[in-house]
């Protein structure tokens, strides 16, 4: 047998009980469950059984679970939900061209011995701390010493024209 407790006006987690709804009857047992209309702190309304409120099984309209999931699975906020930041994409491409022999640019980077420093290889936040955000989408990562590694002190965000002035000399064709 369920006991009715006055719940209107009470707060349970993020939910504040606004009104009592008609009871829900379980046909086989004849048990009566009390349900309440609640207002979540995010502004949404949700109908919840009283025992779920009291036990802590329901603490929000669902927004708390969403926020917790995002926090759990987000390390730096630059990837996920079907999109990635320009900086995150830049780092992934930099690592691929230096470490993946199947990458189409491997021969002119990793194949020549160009490496990504351990700090950037291990941590996107470290890469972002050292490089900062791209000044614009037209900027890309540039190594100041074209024969040096991708590492702090040897990299900058540069435009295409700045990079054109920072190329290694072309080999002369013998002939």
Protein backbone atom coordinates (compact mmCIF):
# COMPACT_ATOMS: atom_id res chain seq x y z
CA UNK A 1 0.00 0.00 0.00
CA UNK A 2 1.39 3.42 -0.97
CA UNK A 3 1.32 6.21 1.53
CA UNK A 4 0.62 9.68 0.29
CA UNK A 5 3.04 12.35 1.43
CA UNK A 6 2.41 16.04 0.73
CA UNK A 7 4.96 16.87 -1.96
CA UNK A 8 3.68 20.06 -3.64
CA UNK A 9 6.26 22.82 -3.16
CA UNK A 10 9.04 20.37 -2.31
CA UNK A 11 12.34 20.31 -4.21
CA UNK A 12 14.05 17.09 -5.21
CA UNK A 13 17.36 17.59 -6.99
CA UNK A 14 16.59 20.04 -9.79
CA UNK A 15 12.84 19.37 -9.68
CA UNK A 16 10.28 21.44 -7.78
CA UNK A 17 6.87 19.82 -7.38
CA UNK A 18 4.15 22.10 -8.79
CA UNK A 19 1.05 19.93 -8.65
CA UNK A 20 -0.30 16.51 -7.81
CA UNK A 21 -1.68 14.53 -10.76
CA UNK A 22 -4.39 11.85 -10.69
CA UNK A 23 -3.02 8.62 -9.20
CA UNK A 24 -1.86 5.80 -11.46
CA UNK A 25 -3.37 2.41 -10.69
CA UNK A 26 -1.49 -0.84 -11.30
CA UNK A 27 -4.26 -3.18 -12.55
CA UNK A 28 -3.04 -6.55 -11.26
CA UNK A 29 -2.11 -5.44 -7.76
CA UNK A 30 -4.59 -2.61 -7.37
CA UNK A 31 -1.68 -0.53 -6.10
CA UNK A 32 -2.00 3.23 -6.36
CA UNK A 33 1.06 5.30 -7.39
CA UNK A 34 1.14 9.03 -6.91
CA UNK A 35 2.42 11.20 -9.75
CA UNK A 36 3.46 14.84 -9.71
CA UNK A 37 4.01 17.61 -12.26
CA UNK A 38 7.46 19.09 -11.63
CA UNK A 39 9.34 22.10 -12.91
CA UNK A 40 13.04 21.51 -13.58
CA UNK A 41 15.59 24.24 -12.87
CA UNK A 42 16.30 24.30 -16.64
CA UNK A 43 12.68 25.38 -17.26
CA UNK A 44 11.19 22.13 -18.59
CA UNK A 45 8.29 20.30 -16.97
CA UNK A 46 8.22 16.57 -16.24
CA UNK A 47 5.66 14.24 -14.67
CA UNK A 48 7.31 11.99 -12.08
CA UNK A 49 6.18 9.28 -9.67
CA UNK A 50 6.51 10.38 -6.04
CA UNK A 51 8.61 7.38 -4.99
CA UNK A 52 11.12 8.23 -7.77
CA UNK A 53 11.44 11.76 -6.39
CA UNK A 54 11.85 10.62 -2.78
CA UNK A 55 14.37 7.88 -3.63
CA UNK A 56 16.49 10.19 -5.81
CA UNK A 57 15.94 7.99 -8.88
CA UNK A 58 14.72 11.08 -10.77
CA UNK A 59 16.49 14.37 -10.07
CA UNK A 60 15.82 16.35 -13.27
CA UNK A 61 13.88 16.37 -16.52
CA UNK A 62 16.83 14.58 -18.11
CA UNK A 63 19.12 17.59 -18.40
CA UNK A 64 21.31 16.42 -15.50
CA UNK A 65 22.07 13.10 -17.22
CA UNK A 66 22.89 14.91 -20.48
CA UNK A 67 25.26 17.32 -18.72
CA UNK A 68 26.93 14.49 -16.79
CA UNK A 69 27.42 12.44 -19.97
CA UNK A 70 28.94 15.40 -21.80
CA UNK A 71 31.33 16.13 -18.92
CA UNK A 72 32.33 12.47 -18.65
CA UNK A 73 33.14 12.03 -22.31
CA UNK A 74 34.52 15.49 -23.15
CA UNK A 75 38.19 16.03 -22.47
CA UNK A 76 38.76 19.41 -24.04
CA UNK A 77 35.56 20.48 -25.79
CA UNK A 78 37.09 20.60 -29.26
CA UNK A 79 35.61 17.39 -30.60
CA UNK A 80 32.33 15.57 -30.37
CA UNK A 81 28.70 15.98 -31.32
CA UNK A 82 29.65 15.50 -34.97
CA UNK A 83 32.03 18.45 -35.20
CA UNK A 84 35.64 19.26 -34.37
CA UNK A 85 37.52 22.53 -34.05
CA UNK A 86 40.02 23.70 -36.65
CA UNK A 87 42.82 23.37 -34.11
CA UNK A 88 41.85 19.79 -33.28
CA UNK A 89 41.76 18.87 -36.99
CA UNK A 90 45.15 20.54 -37.52
CA UNK A 91 46.75 18.48 -34.74
CA UNK A 92 45.30 15.21 -36.06
CA UNK A 93 46.54 15.95 -39.60
CA UNK A 94 49.99 16.96 -38.28
CA UNK A 95 50.36 13.66 -36.40
CA UNK A 96 49.10 11.65 -39.39
CA UNK A 97 51.55 13.15 -41.90
CA UNK A 98 54.44 12.52 -39.49
CA UNK A 99 53.50 9.03 -38.26
CA UNK A 100 51.21 7.29 -40.76
CA UNK A 101 53.07 5.85 -43.77
CA UNK A 102 49.70 5.63 -45.58
CA UNK A 103 49.15 9.39 -45.31
CA UNK A 104 49.64 11.05 -48.72
CA UNK A 105 52.09 13.59 -47.23
CA UNK A 106 54.10 11.13 -45.12
CA UNK A 107 57.03 11.08 -47.56
CA UNK A 108 57.68 14.83 -47.16
CA UNK A 109 57.17 14.86 -43.39
CA UNK A 110 57.56 11.61 -41.43
CA UNK A 111 59.53 10.09 -44.30
CA UNK A 112 62.09 12.90 -43.94
CA UNK A 113 62.30 12.41 -40.18
CA UNK A 114 59.97 15.26 -39.12
CA UNK A 115 58.34 14.39 -35.78
CA UNK A 116 55.68 15.78 -33.46
CA UNK A 117 57.01 16.54 -29.98
CA UNK A 118 55.87 14.18 -27.22
CA UNK A 119 53.95 16.95 -25.42
CA UNK A 120 51.75 17.67 -28.44
CA UNK A 121 51.49 14.02 -29.44
CA UNK A 122 50.14 13.07 -26.01
CA UNK A 123 47.82 16.00 -25.33
CA UNK A 124 45.57 18.21 -27.42
CA UNK A 125 45.19 20.69 -24.50
CA UNK A 126 49.01 21.03 -24.39
CA UNK A 127 49.06 21.72 -28.15
CA UNK A 128 46.32 24.33 -27.73
CA UNK A 129 48.10 25.92 -24.74
CA UNK A 130 51.31 26.28 -26.74
CA UNK A 131 49.84 27.32 -30.10
CA UNK A 132 46.66 29.13 -29.08
CA UNK A 133 43.60 29.40 -31.32
CA UNK A 134 44.00 29.95 -35.05
CA UNK A 135 43.78 33.68 -35.78
CA UNK A 136 41.50 32.85 -38.75
CA UNK A 137 40.43 29.86 -40.85
CA UNK A 138 43.00 30.99 -43.46
CA UNK A 139 45.86 30.25 -41.05
CA UNK A 140 47.55 26.86 -40.82
CA UNK A 141 50.43 25.46 -38.81
CA UNK A 142 53.88 26.37 -40.11
CA UNK A 143 57.30 25.20 -38.98
CA UNK A 144 59.73 28.12 -38.80
CA UNK A 145 62.70 25.80 -39.45
CA UNK A 146 61.33 23.72 -42.33
CA UNK A 147 63.66 20.85 -41.41
CA UNK A 148 62.74 21.02 -37.71
CA UNK A 149 60.07 19.14 -35.79
CA UNK A 150 56.58 20.20 -34.81
CA UNK A 151 57.29 21.61 -31.35
CA UNK A 152 56.89 24.79 -29.31
CA UNK A 153 59.28 27.45 -30.50
CA UNK A 154 59.38 26.07 -34.06
CA UNK A 155 55.71 26.44 -34.97
CA UNK A 156 53.36 29.33 -35.63
CA UNK A 157 50.01 29.99 -37.26
CA UNK A 158 50.73 31.42 -40.72
CA UNK A 159 48.80 32.43 -43.82
CA UNK A 160 49.44 30.78 -47.18
CA UNK A 161 51.56 33.73 -48.35
CA UNK A 162 53.67 33.61 -45.16
CA UNK A 163 54.22 29.91 -45.73
CA UNK A 164 55.21 30.46 -49.37
CA UNK A 165 58.13 32.57 -48.10
CA UNK A 166 59.21 29.76 -45.77
CA UNK A 167 59.84 26.82 -48.09
CA UNK A 168 62.84 24.56 -48.29
CA UNK A 169 64.86 25.05 -51.47
CA UNK A 170 63.83 22.90 -54.44
CA UNK A 171 66.26 20.36 -55.71
CA UNK A 172 67.71 21.23 -59.10
CA UNK A 173 66.93 18.71 -61.77
CA UNK A 174 70.06 17.34 -63.36
CA UNK A 175 69.89 17.03 -67.02
